[in-house]
């Protein structure tokens, strides 16, 4: 499952594709912001030009941190209560497509509150992010095939 190693640091295949997907998402949202397609919605345009860092950062935090806590405390509490060091074992982190979507929605709700977006603006951002998420799923499936 290791893509490559640098000394004692192991870079796992799935995490590499998650990172690539975040970069593609960042670039795509930046590009949409530069096109000024949402000038009639100033809050969306502001988020796409000045708040992409916040959006990507909070999405990563929500997906990784909250999902991991959910997995540890809901799915496998008995195991992790006796193997506390395994909570931080990145090689065991996995996530299904449904949970990715759920945590991305939570992150967008959080960013919506920060930027005071309306429901319509929320759905515009959500739709833009949903254009990127399947790229990560496809990359993951390609890596499964190569495995």
N, C-alpha and C. Protein backbone atom coordinates (compact mmCIF):
# COMPACT_ATOMS: atom_id res chain seq x y z
N UNK A 1 0.80 -1.21 0.00
CA UNK A 1 0.00 0.00 0.00
C UNK A 1 0.84 1.28 0.00
N UNK A 2 2.15 1.15 0.13
CA UNK A 2 3.02 2.31 0.15
C UNK A 2 3.37 2.72 -1.27
N UNK A 3 3.16 3.98 -1.60
CA UNK A 3 3.52 4.49 -2.93
C UNK A 3 5.03 4.68 -3.00
N UNK A 4 5.59 5.33 -1.97
CA UNK A 4 7.04 5.50 -1.88
C UNK A 4 7.40 5.87 -0.45
N UNK A 5 8.66 5.78 -0.15
CA UNK A 5 9.15 6.11 1.19
C UNK A 5 10.33 7.05 1.08
N UNK A 6 10.37 7.98 2.02
CA UNK A 6 11.52 8.89 2.15
C UNK A 6 12.02 8.69 3.57
N UNK A 7 13.06 7.89 3.70
CA UNK A 7 13.55 7.56 5.03
C UNK A 7 12.51 6.75 5.78
N UNK A 8 12.14 7.21 6.95
CA UNK A 8 11.14 6.50 7.75
C UNK A 8 9.71 6.96 7.46
N UNK A 9 9.56 7.95 6.57
CA UNK A 9 8.23 8.46 6.22
C UNK A 9 7.70 7.67 5.02
N UNK A 10 6.54 7.06 5.20
CA UNK A 10 5.90 6.29 4.14
C UNK A 10 4.72 7.08 3.59
N UNK A 11 4.66 7.22 2.29
CA UNK A 11 3.54 7.90 1.63
C UNK A 11 2.67 6.81 1.04
N UNK A 12 1.45 6.73 1.53
CA UNK A 12 0.54 5.68 1.10
C UNK A 12 -0.21 6.08 -0.15
N UNK A 13 -0.57 5.10 -0.94
CA UNK A 13 -1.17 5.35 -2.25
C UNK A 13 -2.46 6.15 -2.16
N UNK A 14 -3.35 5.75 -1.28
CA UNK A 14 -4.63 6.46 -1.20
C UNK A 14 -4.43 7.91 -0.77
N UNK A 15 -3.52 8.12 0.17
CA UNK A 15 -3.30 9.48 0.63
C UNK A 15 -2.71 10.34 -0.47
N UNK A 16 -1.90 9.74 -1.32
CA UNK A 16 -1.35 10.47 -2.45
C UNK A 16 -2.48 10.92 -3.39
N UNK A 17 -3.43 10.05 -3.64
CA UNK A 17 -4.54 10.43 -4.51
C UNK A 17 -5.50 11.41 -3.83
N UNK A 18 -5.66 11.32 -2.52
CA UNK A 18 -6.46 12.31 -1.82
C UNK A 18 -5.80 13.68 -1.96
N UNK A 19 -4.49 13.72 -1.82
CA UNK A 19 -3.75 14.97 -1.96
C UNK A 19 -3.88 15.52 -3.39
N UNK A 20 -3.74 14.66 -4.38
CA UNK A 20 -3.89 15.08 -5.78
C UNK A 20 -5.30 15.62 -6.01
N UNK A 21 -6.30 14.96 -5.45
CA UNK A 21 -7.67 15.43 -5.59
C UNK A 21 -7.86 16.80 -4.95
N UNK A 22 -7.26 17.05 -3.79
CA UNK A 22 -7.34 18.37 -3.15
C UNK A 22 -6.68 19.43 -4.02
N UNK A 23 -5.55 19.10 -4.62
CA UNK A 23 -4.89 20.06 -5.52
C UNK A 23 -5.74 20.36 -6.74
N UNK A 24 -6.35 19.33 -7.33
CA UNK A 24 -7.23 19.54 -8.47
C UNK A 24 -8.43 20.39 -8.07
N UNK A 25 -9.00 20.10 -6.90
CA UNK A 25 -10.12 20.89 -6.41
C UNK A 25 -9.75 22.34 -6.18
N UNK A 26 -8.59 22.55 -5.57
CA UNK A 26 -8.12 23.91 -5.35
C UNK A 26 -7.95 24.64 -6.67
N UNK A 27 -7.28 24.02 -7.62
CA UNK A 27 -7.06 24.64 -8.92
C UNK A 27 -8.39 24.93 -9.62
N UNK A 28 -9.32 23.97 -9.59
CA UNK A 28 -10.60 24.15 -10.26
C UNK A 28 -11.38 25.32 -9.66
N UNK A 29 -11.46 25.38 -8.34
CA UNK A 29 -12.18 26.49 -7.70
C UNK A 29 -11.49 27.82 -7.98
N UNK A 30 -10.16 27.84 -7.97
CA UNK A 30 -9.43 29.06 -8.31
C UNK A 30 -9.76 29.49 -9.74
N UNK A 31 -9.76 28.53 -10.66
CA UNK A 31 -10.05 28.82 -12.06
C UNK A 31 -11.47 29.36 -12.23
N UNK A 32 -12.45 28.76 -11.58
CA UNK A 32 -13.83 29.25 -11.65
C UNK A 32 -13.91 30.66 -11.08
N UNK A 33 -13.19 30.93 -9.99
CA UNK A 33 -13.17 32.27 -9.41
C UNK A 33 -12.57 33.29 -10.36
N UNK A 34 -11.55 32.91 -11.12
CA UNK A 34 -10.92 33.82 -12.07
C UNK A 34 -11.81 34.11 -13.28
N UNK A 35 -12.72 33.20 -13.59
CA UNK A 35 -13.62 33.40 -14.72
C UNK A 35 -14.72 34.41 -14.41
N UNK A 36 -14.92 34.71 -13.13
CA UNK A 36 -15.92 35.70 -12.67
C UNK A 36 -17.33 35.34 -13.14
N UNK A 37 -17.65 34.04 -13.10
CA UNK A 37 -18.98 33.58 -13.49
C UNK A 37 -20.04 33.92 -12.44
N UNK A 38 -19.62 34.21 -11.23
CA UNK A 38 -20.57 34.43 -10.15
C UNK A 38 -20.52 35.87 -9.64
N UNK A 39 -20.27 36.81 -10.53
CA UNK A 39 -20.25 38.22 -10.12
C UNK A 39 -21.60 38.69 -9.61
N UNK A 40 -22.67 38.06 -10.09
CA UNK A 40 -24.01 38.44 -9.61
C UNK A 40 -24.28 37.89 -8.21
N UNK A 41 -23.42 37.03 -7.71
CA UNK A 41 -23.49 36.51 -6.35
C UNK A 41 -22.17 36.87 -5.66
N UNK A 42 -22.09 38.06 -5.06
CA UNK A 42 -20.80 38.55 -4.55
C UNK A 42 -20.19 37.66 -3.46
N UNK A 43 -21.01 37.01 -2.62
CA UNK A 43 -20.45 36.17 -1.57
C UNK A 43 -19.80 34.92 -2.16
N UNK A 44 -20.42 34.35 -3.19
CA UNK A 44 -19.82 33.19 -3.84
C UNK A 44 -18.54 33.60 -4.54
N UNK A 45 -18.57 34.72 -5.24
CA UNK A 45 -17.37 35.19 -5.94
C UNK A 45 -16.25 35.48 -4.95
N UNK A 46 -16.60 36.06 -3.80
CA UNK A 46 -15.59 36.35 -2.77
C UNK A 46 -14.99 35.05 -2.24
N UNK A 47 -15.84 34.06 -2.01
CA UNK A 47 -15.34 32.77 -1.53
C UNK A 47 -14.43 32.12 -2.56
N UNK A 48 -14.79 32.24 -3.84
CA UNK A 48 -14.00 31.60 -4.90
C UNK A 48 -12.70 32.35 -5.20
N UNK A 49 -12.62 33.62 -4.83
CA UNK A 49 -11.39 34.35 -5.09
C UNK A 49 -10.53 34.52 -3.83
N UNK A 50 -11.16 34.71 -2.68
CA UNK A 50 -10.39 34.96 -1.46
C UNK A 50 -10.48 33.84 -0.43
N UNK A 51 -11.48 32.99 -0.55
CA UNK A 51 -11.71 32.00 0.50
C UNK A 51 -11.48 30.56 0.11
N UNK A 52 -10.80 30.33 -1.01
CA UNK A 52 -10.56 28.95 -1.44
C UNK A 52 -9.70 28.22 -0.40
N UNK A 53 -8.73 28.92 0.16
CA UNK A 53 -7.88 28.30 1.18
C UNK A 53 -8.72 27.82 2.36
N UNK A 54 -9.65 28.67 2.82
CA UNK A 54 -10.52 28.28 3.92
C UNK A 54 -11.37 27.07 3.54
N UNK A 55 -11.93 27.11 2.36
CA UNK A 55 -12.81 26.03 1.93
C UNK A 55 -12.05 24.70 1.86
N UNK A 56 -10.91 24.68 1.24
CA UNK A 56 -10.13 23.45 1.13
C UNK A 56 -9.61 23.01 2.49
N UNK A 57 -9.10 23.95 3.29
CA UNK A 57 -8.58 23.61 4.61
C UNK A 57 -9.67 23.01 5.49
N UNK A 58 -10.83 23.65 5.56
CA UNK A 58 -11.90 23.13 6.40
C UNK A 58 -12.46 21.82 5.87
N UNK A 59 -12.46 21.66 4.57
CA UNK A 59 -12.90 20.37 4.02
C UNK A 59 -11.94 19.26 4.44
N UNK A 60 -10.65 19.52 4.35
CA UNK A 60 -9.67 18.50 4.76
C UNK A 60 -9.80 18.21 6.25
N UNK A 61 -9.94 19.26 7.06
CA UNK A 61 -10.07 19.05 8.50
C UNK A 61 -11.31 18.25 8.83
N UNK A 62 -12.45 18.64 8.24
CA UNK A 62 -13.68 17.91 8.53
C UNK A 62 -13.59 16.47 8.06
N UNK A 63 -13.07 16.27 6.87
CA UNK A 63 -13.02 14.90 6.35
C UNK A 63 -12.07 14.05 7.18
N UNK A 64 -10.88 14.52 7.44
CA UNK A 64 -9.90 13.69 8.12
C UNK A 64 -10.14 13.58 9.63
N UNK A 65 -10.25 14.71 10.30
CA UNK A 65 -10.35 14.68 11.76
C UNK A 65 -11.69 14.13 12.22
N UNK A 66 -12.78 14.70 11.75
CA UNK A 66 -14.08 14.26 12.23
C UNK A 66 -14.40 12.84 11.80
N UNK A 67 -14.00 12.51 10.57
CA UNK A 67 -14.24 11.15 10.14
C UNK A 67 -13.45 10.17 11.00
N UNK A 68 -12.19 10.48 11.29
CA UNK A 68 -11.37 9.56 12.10
C UNK A 68 -11.96 9.41 13.49
N UNK A 69 -12.38 10.51 14.09
CA UNK A 69 -13.01 10.42 15.41
C UNK A 69 -14.28 9.57 15.35
N UNK A 70 -15.07 9.79 14.30
CA UNK A 70 -16.29 9.00 14.12
C UNK A 70 -15.94 7.52 14.01
N UNK A 71 -14.96 7.20 13.20
CA UNK A 71 -14.56 5.80 13.00
C UNK A 71 -14.07 5.17 14.30
N UNK A 72 -13.24 5.90 15.04
CA UNK A 72 -12.67 5.36 16.27
C UNK A 72 -13.74 5.18 17.34
N UNK A 73 -14.61 6.17 17.52
CA UNK A 73 -15.56 6.11 18.63
C UNK A 73 -16.87 5.40 18.30
N UNK A 74 -17.24 5.30 17.05
CA UNK A 74 -18.51 4.66 16.70
C UNK A 74 -18.30 3.25 16.17
N UNK A 75 -17.42 3.10 15.18
CA UNK A 75 -17.27 1.80 14.54
C UNK A 75 -16.45 0.80 15.34
N UNK A 76 -15.31 1.22 15.83
CA UNK A 76 -14.40 0.25 16.46
C UNK A 76 -13.93 0.70 17.83
N UNK A 77 -14.85 1.14 18.65
CA UNK A 77 -14.49 1.60 19.99
C UNK A 77 -13.81 0.52 20.83
N UNK A 78 -14.31 -0.72 20.85
CA UNK A 78 -13.63 -1.73 21.68
C UNK A 78 -12.18 -1.96 21.28
N UNK A 79 -11.92 -1.99 19.98
CA UNK A 79 -10.55 -2.23 19.51
C UNK A 79 -9.64 -1.07 19.89
N UNK A 80 -10.07 0.14 19.62
CA UNK A 80 -9.20 1.30 19.87
C UNK A 80 -9.09 1.64 21.35
N UNK A 81 -10.00 1.17 22.18
CA UNK A 81 -9.86 1.42 23.61
C UNK A 81 -8.70 0.60 24.20
N UNK A 82 -8.34 -0.50 23.52
CA UNK A 82 -7.20 -1.28 23.99
C UNK A 82 -5.94 -1.04 23.16
N UNK A 83 -6.09 -0.43 21.99
CA UNK A 83 -4.95 -0.14 21.10
C UNK A 83 -4.92 1.36 20.78
N UNK A 84 -4.68 2.17 21.76
CA UNK A 84 -4.76 3.62 21.62
C UNK A 84 -3.77 4.16 20.59
N UNK A 85 -2.59 3.60 20.52
CA UNK A 85 -1.58 4.08 19.55
C UNK A 85 -2.04 3.86 18.11
N UNK A 86 -2.92 2.89 17.88
CA UNK A 86 -3.39 2.60 16.53
C UNK A 86 -4.34 3.69 15.99
N UNK A 87 -4.83 4.55 16.85
CA UNK A 87 -5.71 5.64 16.41
C UNK A 87 -4.99 6.50 15.40
N UNK A 88 -3.69 6.68 15.59
CA UNK A 88 -2.91 7.55 14.73
C UNK A 88 -2.19 6.80 13.61
N UNK A 89 -2.46 5.51 13.46
CA UNK A 89 -1.82 4.71 12.40
C UNK A 89 -2.48 5.03 11.07
N UNK A 90 -1.85 5.88 10.31
CA UNK A 90 -2.42 6.37 9.06
C UNK A 90 -2.66 5.24 8.06
N UNK A 91 -1.86 4.22 8.11
CA UNK A 91 -2.01 3.13 7.15
C UNK A 91 -3.34 2.41 7.28
N UNK A 92 -4.03 2.58 8.39
CA UNK A 92 -5.33 1.93 8.59
C UNK A 92 -6.51 2.84 8.28
N UNK A 93 -6.23 4.04 7.82
CA UNK A 93 -7.31 4.98 7.55
C UNK A 93 -7.89 4.70 6.19
N UNK A 94 -9.16 4.48 6.11
CA UNK A 94 -9.88 4.28 4.86
C UNK A 94 -11.23 4.96 5.00
N UNK A 95 -11.88 5.19 3.90
CA UNK A 95 -13.19 5.83 3.96
C UNK A 95 -13.98 5.50 2.70
N UNK A 96 -15.26 5.26 2.89
CA UNK A 96 -16.11 4.99 1.74
C UNK A 96 -16.57 6.30 1.11
N UNK A 97 -17.08 6.20 -0.09
CA UNK A 97 -17.54 7.36 -0.84
C UNK A 97 -18.64 8.11 -0.10
N UNK A 98 -19.55 7.36 0.52
CA UNK A 98 -20.68 7.99 1.22
C UNK A 98 -20.17 8.87 2.36
N UNK A 99 -19.17 8.40 3.12
CA UNK A 99 -18.66 9.21 4.22
C UNK A 99 -17.89 10.41 3.72
N UNK A 100 -17.21 10.27 2.59
CA UNK A 100 -16.56 11.45 2.00
C UNK A 100 -17.59 12.53 1.75
N UNK A 101 -18.69 12.16 1.12
CA UNK A 101 -19.73 13.14 0.78
C UNK A 101 -20.32 13.76 2.05
N UNK A 102 -20.61 12.94 3.05
CA UNK A 102 -21.20 13.45 4.29
C UNK A 102 -20.28 14.47 4.95
N UNK A 103 -18.99 14.17 5.06
CA UNK A 103 -18.08 15.09 5.73
C UNK A 103 -17.79 16.32 4.88
N UNK A 104 -17.80 16.20 3.57
CA UNK A 104 -17.66 17.38 2.71
C UNK A 104 -18.86 18.29 2.89
N UNK A 105 -20.06 17.73 2.97
CA UNK A 105 -21.26 18.53 3.21
C UNK A 105 -21.13 19.27 4.55
N UNK A 106 -20.67 18.59 5.58
CA UNK A 106 -20.48 19.25 6.88
C UNK A 106 -19.47 20.39 6.79
N UNK A 107 -18.40 20.17 6.04
CA UNK A 107 -17.40 21.23 5.88
C UNK A 107 -17.98 22.42 5.15
N UNK A 108 -18.77 22.16 4.12
CA UNK A 108 -19.37 23.27 3.37
C UNK A 108 -20.37 24.02 4.25
N UNK A 109 -21.13 23.30 5.09
CA UNK A 109 -22.02 23.98 6.03
C UNK A 109 -21.22 24.88 6.97
N UNK A 110 -20.07 24.41 7.42
CA UNK A 110 -19.24 25.20 8.31
C UNK A 110 -18.74 26.47 7.60
N UNK A 111 -18.23 26.31 6.39
CA UNK A 111 -17.74 27.46 5.63
C UNK A 111 -18.90 28.39 5.30
N UNK A 112 -20.07 27.82 5.07
CA UNK A 112 -21.26 28.65 4.80
C UNK A 112 -21.52 29.60 5.97
N UNK A 113 -21.38 29.10 7.18
CA UNK A 113 -21.60 29.96 8.35
C UNK A 113 -20.52 31.03 8.48
N UNK A 114 -19.28 30.68 8.16
CA UNK A 114 -18.18 31.65 8.24
C UNK A 114 -18.41 32.79 7.25
N UNK A 115 -18.76 32.43 6.02
CA UNK A 115 -18.92 33.43 4.96
C UNK A 115 -20.35 33.95 4.82
N UNK A 116 -21.26 33.48 5.66
CA UNK A 116 -22.65 33.94 5.67
C UNK A 116 -23.31 33.80 4.29
N UNK A 117 -23.20 32.60 3.74
CA UNK A 117 -23.80 32.33 2.44
C UNK A 117 -25.28 32.00 2.61
N UNK A 118 -26.07 32.30 1.59
CA UNK A 118 -27.47 31.89 1.59
C UNK A 118 -27.53 30.43 1.16
N UNK A 119 -28.72 29.83 1.25
CA UNK A 119 -28.88 28.43 0.83
C UNK A 119 -28.55 28.25 -0.65
N UNK A 120 -28.96 29.18 -1.45
CA UNK A 120 -28.69 29.08 -2.88
C UNK A 120 -27.18 29.14 -3.15
N UNK A 121 -26.50 30.03 -2.46
CA UNK A 121 -25.05 30.13 -2.61
C UNK A 121 -24.35 28.89 -2.08
N UNK A 122 -24.90 28.33 -1.00
CA UNK A 122 -24.38 27.07 -0.47
C UNK A 122 -24.44 25.98 -1.54
N UNK A 123 -25.57 25.88 -2.22
CA UNK A 123 -25.72 24.83 -3.23
C UNK A 123 -24.83 25.08 -4.44
N UNK A 124 -24.54 26.32 -4.74
CA UNK A 124 -23.61 26.61 -5.84
C UNK A 124 -22.22 26.08 -5.49
N UNK A 125 -21.74 26.37 -4.27
CA UNK A 125 -20.43 25.88 -3.84
C UNK A 125 -20.44 24.35 -3.77
N UNK A 126 -21.51 23.80 -3.24
CA UNK A 126 -21.62 22.35 -3.15
C UNK A 126 -21.56 21.70 -4.53
N UNK A 127 -22.27 22.28 -5.49
CA UNK A 127 -22.24 21.74 -6.86
C UNK A 127 -20.84 21.83 -7.47
N UNK A 128 -20.14 22.92 -7.20
CA UNK A 128 -18.78 23.06 -7.72
C UNK A 128 -17.86 21.99 -7.12
N UNK A 129 -17.99 21.76 -5.82
CA UNK A 129 -17.15 20.73 -5.20
C UNK A 129 -17.53 19.33 -5.67
N UNK A 130 -18.80 19.12 -5.95
CA UNK A 130 -19.21 17.80 -6.44
C UNK A 130 -18.68 17.51 -7.84
N UNK A 131 -18.22 18.53 -8.53
CA UNK A 131 -17.57 18.29 -9.82
C UNK A 131 -16.17 17.71 -9.64
N UNK A 132 -15.57 17.95 -8.47
CA UNK A 132 -14.20 17.53 -8.22
C UNK A 132 -14.13 16.17 -7.51
N UNK A 133 -15.04 15.89 -6.61
CA UNK A 133 -14.99 14.67 -5.80
C UNK A 133 -14.92 13.40 -6.65
N UNK A 134 -15.69 13.28 -7.73
CA UNK A 134 -15.57 12.06 -8.53
C UNK A 134 -14.19 11.83 -9.12
N UNK A 135 -13.42 12.89 -9.31
CA UNK A 135 -12.05 12.73 -9.80
C UNK A 135 -11.24 11.92 -8.79
N UNK A 136 -11.40 12.24 -7.51
CA UNK A 136 -10.72 11.48 -6.47
C UNK A 136 -11.18 10.03 -6.41
N UNK A 137 -12.48 9.82 -6.62
CA UNK A 137 -12.99 8.46 -6.63
C UNK A 137 -12.41 7.69 -7.80
N UNK A 138 -12.36 8.31 -8.97
CA UNK A 138 -11.80 7.65 -10.15
C UNK A 138 -10.32 7.34 -9.94
N UNK A 139 -9.57 8.29 -9.39
CA UNK A 139 -8.16 8.04 -9.11
C UNK A 139 -7.99 6.88 -8.14
N UNK A 140 -8.83 6.82 -7.13
CA UNK A 140 -8.77 5.70 -6.19
C UNK A 140 -9.07 4.38 -6.85
N UNK A 141 -10.05 4.36 -7.75
CA UNK A 141 -10.39 3.13 -8.47
C UNK A 141 -9.26 2.71 -9.40
N UNK A 142 -8.63 3.66 -10.05
CA UNK A 142 -7.49 3.34 -10.91
C UNK A 142 -6.38 2.71 -10.06
N UNK A 143 -6.16 3.29 -8.88
CA UNK A 143 -5.12 2.73 -8.03
C UNK A 143 -5.50 1.32 -7.56
N UNK A 144 -6.79 1.08 -7.29
CA UNK A 144 -7.23 -0.27 -6.94
C UNK A 144 -6.93 -1.24 -8.08
N UNK A 145 -7.17 -0.80 -9.29
CA UNK A 145 -6.91 -1.63 -10.46
C UNK A 145 -5.42 -1.92 -10.57
N UNK A 146 -4.58 -0.93 -10.33
CA UNK A 146 -3.14 -1.12 -10.41
C UNK A 146 -2.62 -2.01 -9.28
N UNK A 147 -3.36 -2.05 -8.20
CA UNK A 147 -2.98 -2.86 -7.05
C UNK A 147 -3.06 -4.31 -7.45
